[in-house]
Amino acid sequence: MTIKEFLVELQDSLQREDELLLEMALRELPEWDSLAMMSIVVLFDKHFGQKLLFSDFEKFKTVKDLVQKAGLL
């Protein structure tokens, strides 16, 4: 998966219409809530075989942090 493909998957998971940029702060996104986090847990499990815990989300500050966790940067 490329970074661009990941961003599209992430955008779908967040049910967001606007494009995501790496430098965007997650907490500033209106779509960033517990449901979005659950969708991201599923995304990482399905595409990367990674089991994320909700405590992992404390480390994620920007979209770039998620891309790095996915191993795409």
PDB file of N, CA and C in Angstrom:
ATOM      1  N   MET A   1       0.855  -1.170   0.000  1.00  0.00           N
ATOM      2  CA  MET A   1       0.000   0.000   0.000  1.00  0.00           C
ATOM      3  C   MET A   1       0.905   1.238   0.000  1.00  0.00           C
ATOM      4  N   THR A   2       0.532   2.213  -0.803  1.00  0.00           N
ATOM      5  CA  THR A   2       1.272   3.470  -0.843  1.00  0.00           C
ATOM      6  C   THR A   2       0.714   4.441   0.203  1.00  0.00           C
ATOM      7  N   ILE A   3       1.450   5.515   0.436  1.00  0.00           N
ATOM      8  CA  ILE A   3       0.964   6.539   1.369  1.00  0.00           C
ATOM      9  C   ILE A   3      -0.349   7.115   0.866  1.00  0.00           C
ATOM     10  N   LYS A   4      -0.420   7.381  -0.427  1.00  0.00           N
ATOM     11  CA  LYS A   4      -1.649   7.949  -1.001  1.00  0.00           C
ATOM     12  C   LYS A   4      -2.835   7.001  -0.795  1.00  0.00           C
ATOM     13  N   GLU A   5      -2.626   5.716  -1.037  1.00  0.00           N
ATOM     14  CA  GLU A   5      -3.693   4.728  -0.833  1.00  0.00           C
ATOM     15  C   GLU A   5      -4.101   4.668   0.642  1.00  0.00           C
ATOM     16  N   PHE A   6      -3.108   4.731   1.529  1.00  0.00           N
ATOM     17  CA  PHE A   6      -3.396   4.727   2.957  1.00  0.00           C
ATOM     18  C   PHE A   6      -4.233   5.942   3.348  1.00  0.00           C
ATOM     19  N   LEU A   7      -3.867   7.099   2.829  1.00  0.00           N
ATOM     20  CA  LEU A   7      -4.613   8.321   3.160  1.00  0.00           C
ATOM     21  C   LEU A   7      -6.059   8.231   2.685  1.00  0.00           C
ATOM     22  N   VAL A   8      -6.279   7.608   1.536  1.00  0.00           N
ATOM     23  CA  VAL A   8      -7.647   7.423   1.036  1.00  0.00           C
ATOM     24  C   VAL A   8      -8.406   6.462   1.960  1.00  0.00           C
ATOM     25  N   GLU A   9      -7.762   5.365   2.372  1.00  0.00           N
ATOM     26  CA  GLU A   9      -8.394   4.420   3.310  1.00  0.00           C
ATOM     27  C   GLU A   9      -8.703   5.100   4.642  1.00  0.00           C
ATOM     28  N   LEU A  10      -7.752   5.903   5.109  1.00  0.00           N
ATOM     29  CA  LEU A  10      -7.941   6.620   6.363  1.00  0.00           C
ATOM     30  C   LEU A  10      -9.083   7.621   6.251  1.00  0.00           C
ATOM     31  N   GLN A  11      -9.131   8.316   5.137  1.00  0.00           N
ATOM     32  CA  GLN A  11     -10.204   9.280   4.885  1.00  0.00           C
ATOM     33  C   GLN A  11     -11.563   8.566   4.909  1.00  0.00           C
ATOM     34  N   ASP A  12     -11.618   7.396   4.292  1.00  0.00           N
ATOM     35  CA  ASP A  12     -12.859   6.602   4.305  1.00  0.00           C
ATOM     36  C   ASP A  12     -13.211   6.156   5.729  1.00  0.00           C
ATOM     37  N   SER A  13     -12.192   5.731   6.476  1.00  0.00           N
ATOM     38  CA  SER A  13     -12.423   5.286   7.847  1.00  0.00           C
ATOM     39  C   SER A  13     -12.967   6.408   8.721  1.00  0.00           C
ATOM     40  N   LEU A  14     -12.498   7.614   8.458  1.00  0.00           N
ATOM     41  CA  LEU A  14     -12.953   8.775   9.221  1.00  0.00           C
ATOM     42  C   LEU A  14     -14.267   9.344   8.691  1.00  0.00           C
ATOM     43  N   GLN A  15     -14.729   8.803   7.560  1.00  0.00           N
ATOM     44  CA  GLN A  15     -15.924   9.308   6.880  1.00  0.00           C
ATOM     45  C   GLN A  15     -15.776  10.806   6.623  1.00  0.00           C
ATOM     46  N   ARG A  16     -14.615  11.149   6.068  1.00  0.00           N
ATOM     47  CA  ARG A  16     -14.253  12.534   5.814  1.00  0.00           C
ATOM     48  C   ARG A  16     -14.281  12.798   4.322  1.00  0.00           C
ATOM     49  N   GLU A  17     -14.850  13.911   3.922  1.00  0.00           N
ATOM     50  CA  GLU A  17     -14.912  14.266   2.509  1.00  0.00           C
ATOM     51  C   GLU A  17     -13.640  14.962   2.039  1.00  0.00           C
ATOM     52  N   ASP A  18     -13.056  15.790   2.898  1.00  0.00           N
ATOM     53  CA  ASP A  18     -11.872  16.558   2.524  1.00  0.00           C
ATOM     54  C   ASP A  18     -10.621  15.696   2.605  1.00  0.00           C
ATOM     55  N   GLU A  19      -9.666  16.014   1.740  1.00  0.00           N
ATOM     56  CA  GLU A  19      -8.394  15.293   1.684  1.00  0.00           C
ATOM     57  C   GLU A  19      -7.615  15.450   2.988  1.00  0.00           C
ATOM     58  N   LEU A  20      -6.925  14.406   3.373  1.00  0.00           N
ATOM     59  CA  LEU A  20      -6.069  14.445   4.557  1.00  0.00           C
ATOM     60  C   LEU A  20      -4.641  14.783   4.150  1.00  0.00           C
ATOM     61  N   LEU A  21      -3.976  15.573   4.976  1.00  0.00           N
ATOM     62  CA  LEU A  21      -2.580  15.917   4.761  1.00  0.00           C
ATOM     63  C   LEU A  21      -1.772  15.399   5.938  1.00  0.00           C
ATOM     64  N   LEU A  22      -0.520  15.064   5.705  1.00  0.00           N
ATOM     65  CA  LEU A  22       0.320  14.467   6.742  1.00  0.00           C
ATOM     66  C   LEU A  22       0.441  15.337   7.983  1.00  0.00           C
ATOM     67  N   GLU A  23       0.492  16.643   7.803  1.00  0.00           N
ATOM     68  CA  GLU A  23       0.727  17.535   8.940  1.00  0.00           C
ATOM     69  C   GLU A  23      -0.533  17.860   9.750  1.00  0.00           C
ATOM     70  N   MET A  24      -1.677  17.347   9.350  1.00  0.00           N
ATOM     71  CA  MET A  24      -2.923  17.643  10.063  1.00  0.00           C
ATOM     72  C   MET A  24      -2.917  17.025  11.457  1.00  0.00           C
ATOM     73  N   ALA A  25      -3.298  17.822  12.445  1.00  0.00           N
ATOM     74  CA  ALA A  25      -3.427  17.334  13.821  1.00  0.00           C
ATOM     75  C   ALA A  25      -4.728  16.548  13.945  1.00  0.00           C
ATOM     76  N   LEU A  26      -4.629  15.347  14.451  1.00  0.00           N
ATOM     77  CA  LEU A  26      -5.803  14.478  14.546  1.00  0.00           C
ATOM     78  C   LEU A  26      -6.884  15.068  15.440  1.00  0.00           C
ATOM     79  N   ARG A  27      -6.501  15.630  16.562  1.00  0.00           N
ATOM     80  CA  ARG A  27      -7.482  16.173  17.511  1.00  0.00           C
ATOM     81  C   ARG A  27      -8.240  17.382  16.961  1.00  0.00           C
ATOM     82  N   GLU A  28      -7.723  17.976  15.912  1.00  0.00           N
ATOM     83  CA  GLU A  28      -8.398  19.125  15.310  1.00  0.00           C
ATOM     84  C   GLU A  28      -9.388  18.711  14.224  1.00  0.00           C
ATOM     85  N   LEU A  29      -9.387  17.433  13.867  1.00  0.00           N
ATOM     86  CA  LEU A  29     -10.327  16.945  12.861  1.00  0.00           C
ATOM     87  C   LEU A  29     -11.691  16.726  13.507  1.00  0.00           C
ATOM     88  N   PRO A  30     -12.742  17.294  12.933  1.00  0.00           N
ATOM     89  CA  PRO A  30     -14.083  17.112  13.519  1.00  0.00           C
ATOM     90  C   PRO A  30     -14.492  15.638  13.585  1.00  0.00           C
ATOM     91  N   GLU A  31     -13.943  14.829  12.682  1.00  0.00           N
ATOM     92  CA  GLU A  31     -14.318  13.416  12.608  1.00  0.00           C
ATOM     93  C   GLU A  31     -13.572  12.558  13.635  1.00  0.00           C
ATOM     94  N   TRP A  32     -12.588  13.121  14.322  1.00  0.00           N
ATOM     95  CA  TRP A  32     -11.752  12.350  15.242  1.00  0.00           C
ATOM     96  C   TRP A  32     -12.515  12.095  16.542  1.00  0.00           C
ATOM     97  N   ASP A  33     -13.005  10.874  16.689  1.00  0.00           N
ATOM     98  CA  ASP A  33     -13.739  10.477  17.883  1.00  0.00           C
ATOM     99  C   ASP A  33     -13.517   8.985  18.128  1.00  0.00           C
ATOM    100  N   SER A  34     -14.168   8.432  19.109  1.00  0.00           N
ATOM    101  CA  SER A  34     -13.944   7.025  19.447  1.00  0.00           C
ATOM    102  C   SER A  34     -14.379   6.091  18.316  1.00  0.00           C
ATOM    103  N   LEU A  35     -15.398   6.444  17.578  1.00  0.00           N
ATOM    104  CA  LEU A  35     -15.824   5.626  16.439  1.00  0.00           C
ATOM    105  C   LEU A  35     -14.752   5.622  15.359  1.00  0.00           C
ATOM    106  N   ALA A  36     -14.137   6.780  15.113  1.00  0.00           N
ATOM    107  CA  ALA A  36     -13.053   6.866  14.139  1.00  0.00           C
ATOM    108  C   ALA A  36     -11.883   5.991  14.586  1.00  0.00           C
ATOM    109  N   MET A  37     -11.583   6.013  15.864  1.00  0.00           N
ATOM    110  CA  MET A  37     -10.483   5.193  16.391  1.00  0.00           C
ATOM    111  C   MET A  37     -10.761   3.714  16.194  1.00  0.00           C
ATOM    112  N   MET A  38     -11.993   3.304  16.410  1.00  0.00           N
ATOM    113  CA  MET A  38     -12.359   1.902  16.182  1.00  0.00           C
ATOM    114  C   MET A  38     -12.179   1.528  14.714  1.00  0.00           C
ATOM    115  N   SER A  39     -12.538   2.434  13.819  1.00  0.00           N
ATOM    116  CA  SER A  39     -12.369   2.182  12.386  1.00  0.00           C
ATOM    117  C   SER A  39     -10.893   2.049  12.029  1.00  0.00           C
ATOM    118  N   ILE A  40     -10.049   2.839  12.680  1.00  0.00           N
ATOM    119  CA  ILE A  40      -8.613   2.780  12.416  1.00  0.00           C
ATOM    120  C   ILE A  40      -8.017   1.488  12.966  1.00  0.00           C
ATOM    121  N   VAL A  41      -8.533   1.013  14.094  1.00  0.00           N
ATOM    122  CA  VAL A  41      -8.098  -0.280  14.625  1.00  0.00           C
ATOM    123  C   VAL A  41      -8.372  -1.366  13.586  1.00  0.00           C
ATOM    124  N   VAL A  42      -9.545  -1.341  12.987  1.00  0.00           N
ATOM    125  CA  VAL A  42      -9.919  -2.319  11.957  1.00  0.00           C
ATOM    126  C   VAL A  42      -9.024  -2.154  10.723  1.00  0.00           C
ATOM    127  N   LEU A  43      -8.775  -0.925  10.315  1.00  0.00           N
ATOM    128  CA  LEU A  43      -7.925  -0.649   9.152  1.00  0.00           C
ATOM    129  C   LEU A  43      -6.529  -1.245   9.342  1.00  0.00           C
ATOM    130  N   PHE A  44      -5.927  -1.021  10.499  1.00  0.00           N
ATOM    131  CA  PHE A  44      -4.580  -1.534  10.758  1.00  0.00           C
ATOM    132  C   PHE A  44      -4.568  -3.051  10.850  1.00  0.00           C
ATOM    133  N   ASP A  45      -5.590  -3.637  11.432  1.00  0.00           N
ATOM    134  CA  ASP A  45      -5.664  -5.092  11.530  1.00  0.00           C
ATOM    135  C   ASP A  45      -5.815  -5.704  10.145  1.00  0.00           C
ATOM    136  N   LYS A  46      -6.702  -5.156   9.353  1.00  0.00           N
ATOM    137  CA  LYS A  46      -7.011  -5.702   8.031  1.00  0.00           C
ATOM    138  C   LYS A  46      -5.842  -5.561   7.060  1.00  0.00           C
ATOM    139  N   HIS A  47      -5.238  -4.384   6.995  1.00  0.00           N
ATOM    140  CA  HIS A  47      -4.219  -4.121   5.970  1.00  0.00           C
ATOM    141  C   HIS A  47      -2.782  -4.364   6.426  1.00  0.00           C
ATOM    142  N   PHE A  48      -2.534  -4.296   7.727  1.00  0.00           N
ATOM    143  CA  PHE A  48      -1.155  -4.379   8.198  1.00  0.00           C
ATOM    144  C   PHE A  48      -0.934  -5.474   9.240  1.00  0.00           C
ATOM    145  N   GLY A  49      -2.001  -6.154   9.636  1.00  0.00           N
ATOM    146  CA  GLY A  49      -1.874  -7.211  10.623  1.00  0.00           C
ATOM    147  C   GLY A  49      -1.422  -6.711  11.986  1.00  0.00           C
ATOM    148  N   GLN A  50      -1.681  -5.435  12.263  1.00  0.00           N
ATOM    149  CA  GLN A  50      -1.280  -4.836  13.536  1.00  0.00           C
ATOM    150  C   GLN A  50      -2.503  -4.690  14.441  1.00  0.00           C
ATOM    151  N   LYS A  51      -2.323  -5.097  15.665  1.00  0.00           N
ATOM    152  CA  LYS A  51      -3.381  -4.959  16.669  1.00  0.00           C
ATOM    153  C   LYS A  51      -3.118  -3.684  17.461  1.00  0.00           C
ATOM    154  N   LEU A  52      -3.878  -2.650  17.197  1.00  0.00           N
ATOM    155  CA  LEU A  52      -3.734  -1.397  17.933  1.00  0.00           C
ATOM    156  C   LEU A  52      -4.598  -1.442  19.183  1.00  0.00           C
ATOM    157  N   LEU A  53      -4.082  -0.843  20.234  1.00  0.00           N
ATOM    158  CA  LEU A  53      -4.843  -0.673  21.462  1.00  0.00           C
ATOM    159  C   LEU A  53      -5.252   0.791  21.558  1.00  0.00           C
ATOM    160  N   PHE A  54      -6.287   1.063  22.307  1.00  0.00           N
ATOM    161  CA  PHE A  54      -6.702   2.461  22.429  1.00  0.00           C
ATOM    162  C   PHE A  54      -5.623   3.297  23.103  1.00  0.00           C
ATOM    163  N   SER A  55      -4.781   2.663  23.923  1.00  0.00           N
ATOM    164  CA  SER A  55      -3.662   3.398  24.525  1.00  0.00           C
ATOM    165  C   SER A  55      -2.646   3.839  23.473  1.00  0.00           C
ATOM    166  N   ASP A  56      -2.588   3.134  22.338  1.00  0.00           N
ATOM    167  CA  ASP A  56      -1.697   3.541  21.242  1.00  0.00           C
ATOM    168  C   ASP A  56      -2.084   4.910  20.695  1.00  0.00           C
ATOM    169  N   PHE A  57      -3.346   5.240  20.788  1.00  0.00           N
ATOM    170  CA  PHE A  57      -3.830   6.486  20.197  1.00  0.00           C
ATOM    171  C   PHE A  57      -3.324   7.724  20.935  1.00  0.00           C
ATOM    172  N   GLU A  58      -2.849   7.551  22.153  1.00  0.00           N
ATOM    173  CA  GLU A  58      -2.269   8.680  22.882  1.00  0.00           C
ATOM    174  C   GLU A  58      -1.006   9.177  22.203  1.00  0.00           C
ATOM    175  N   LYS A  59      -0.323   8.295  21.472  1.00  0.00           N
ATOM    176  CA  LYS A  59       0.927   8.634  20.781  1.00  0.00           C
ATOM    177  C   LYS A  59       0.684   9.311  19.438  1.00  0.00           C
ATOM    178  N   PHE A  60      -0.482   9.118  18.876  1.00  0.00           N
ATOM    179  CA  PHE A  60      -0.779   9.647  17.550  1.00  0.00           C
ATOM    180  C   PHE A  60      -1.240  11.093  17.649  1.00  0.00           C
ATOM    181  N   LYS A  61      -0.435  12.000  17.157  1.00  0.00           N
ATOM    182  CA  LYS A  61      -0.759  13.429  17.192  1.00  0.00           C
ATOM    183  C   LYS A  61      -1.185  13.951  15.826  1.00  0.00           C
ATOM    184  N   THR A  62      -0.558  13.423  14.760  1.00  0.00           N
ATOM    185  CA  THR A  62      -0.842  13.887  13.402  1.00  0.00           C
ATOM    186  C   THR A  62      -1.154  12.699  12.492  1.00  0.00           C
ATOM    187  N   VAL A  63      -1.642  13.010  11.324  1.00  0.00           N
ATOM    188  CA  VAL A  63      -1.878  11.977  10.309  1.00  0.00           C
ATOM    189  C   VAL A  63      -0.562  11.257  10.004  1.00  0.00           C
ATOM    190  N   LYS A  64       0.520  11.997   9.983  1.00  0.00           N
ATOM    191  CA  LYS A  64       1.840  11.416   9.711  1.00  0.00           C
ATOM    192  C   LYS A  64       2.191  10.326  10.720  1.00  0.00           C
ATOM    193  N   ASP A  65       1.799  10.484  11.966  1.00  0.00           N
ATOM    194  CA  ASP A  65       2.059   9.467  12.989  1.00  0.00           C
ATOM    195  C   ASP A  65       1.393   8.141  12.620  1.00  0.00           C
ATOM    196  N   LEU A  66       0.199   8.214  12.078  1.00  0.00           N
ATOM    197  CA  LEU A  66      -0.499   6.988  11.637  1.00  0.00           C
ATOM    198  C   LEU A  66       0.201   6.360  10.443  1.00  0.00           C
ATOM    199  N   VAL A  67       0.660   7.198   9.520  1.00  0.00           N
ATOM    200  CA  VAL A  67       1.386   6.699   8.340  1.00  0.00           C
ATOM    201  C   VAL A  67       2.669   6.008   8.780  1.00  0.00           C
ATOM    202  N   GLN A  68       3.357   6.591   9.744  1.00  0.00           N
ATOM    203  CA  GLN A  68       4.590   5.980  10.247  1.00  0.00           C
ATOM    204  C   GLN A  68       4.298   4.664  10.954  1.00  0.00           C
ATOM    205  N   LYS A  69       3.239   4.609  11.741  1.00  0.00           N
ATOM    206  CA  LYS A  69       2.865   3.376  12.431  1.00  0.00           C
ATOM    207  C   LYS A  69       2.563   2.270  11.429  1.00  0.00           C
ATOM    208  N   ALA A  70       2.005   2.648  10.284  1.00  0.00           N
ATOM    209  CA  ALA A  70       1.703   1.691   9.228  1.00  0.00           C
ATOM    210  C   ALA A  70       2.970   1.215   8.508  1.00  0.00           C
ATOM    211  N   GLY A  71       4.090   1.900   8.776  1.00  0.00           N
ATOM    212  CA  GLY A  71       5.354   1.514   8.152  1.00  0.00           C
ATOM    213  C   GLY A  71       5.517   2.025   6.738  1.00  0.00           C
ATOM    214  N   LEU A  72       4.801   3.078   6.420  1.00  0.00           N
ATOM    215  CA  LEU A  72       4.844   3.614   5.061  1.00  0.00           C
ATOM    216  C   LEU A  72       5.808   4.779   4.907  1.00  0.00           C
ATOM    217  N   LEU A  73       6.374   5.248   6.008  1.00  0.00           N
ATOM    218  CA  LEU A  73       7.377   6.334   5.981  1.00  0.00           C
ATOM    219  C   LEU A  73       8.642   5.858   6.639  1.00  0.00           C
TER     220      LEU A  73
END
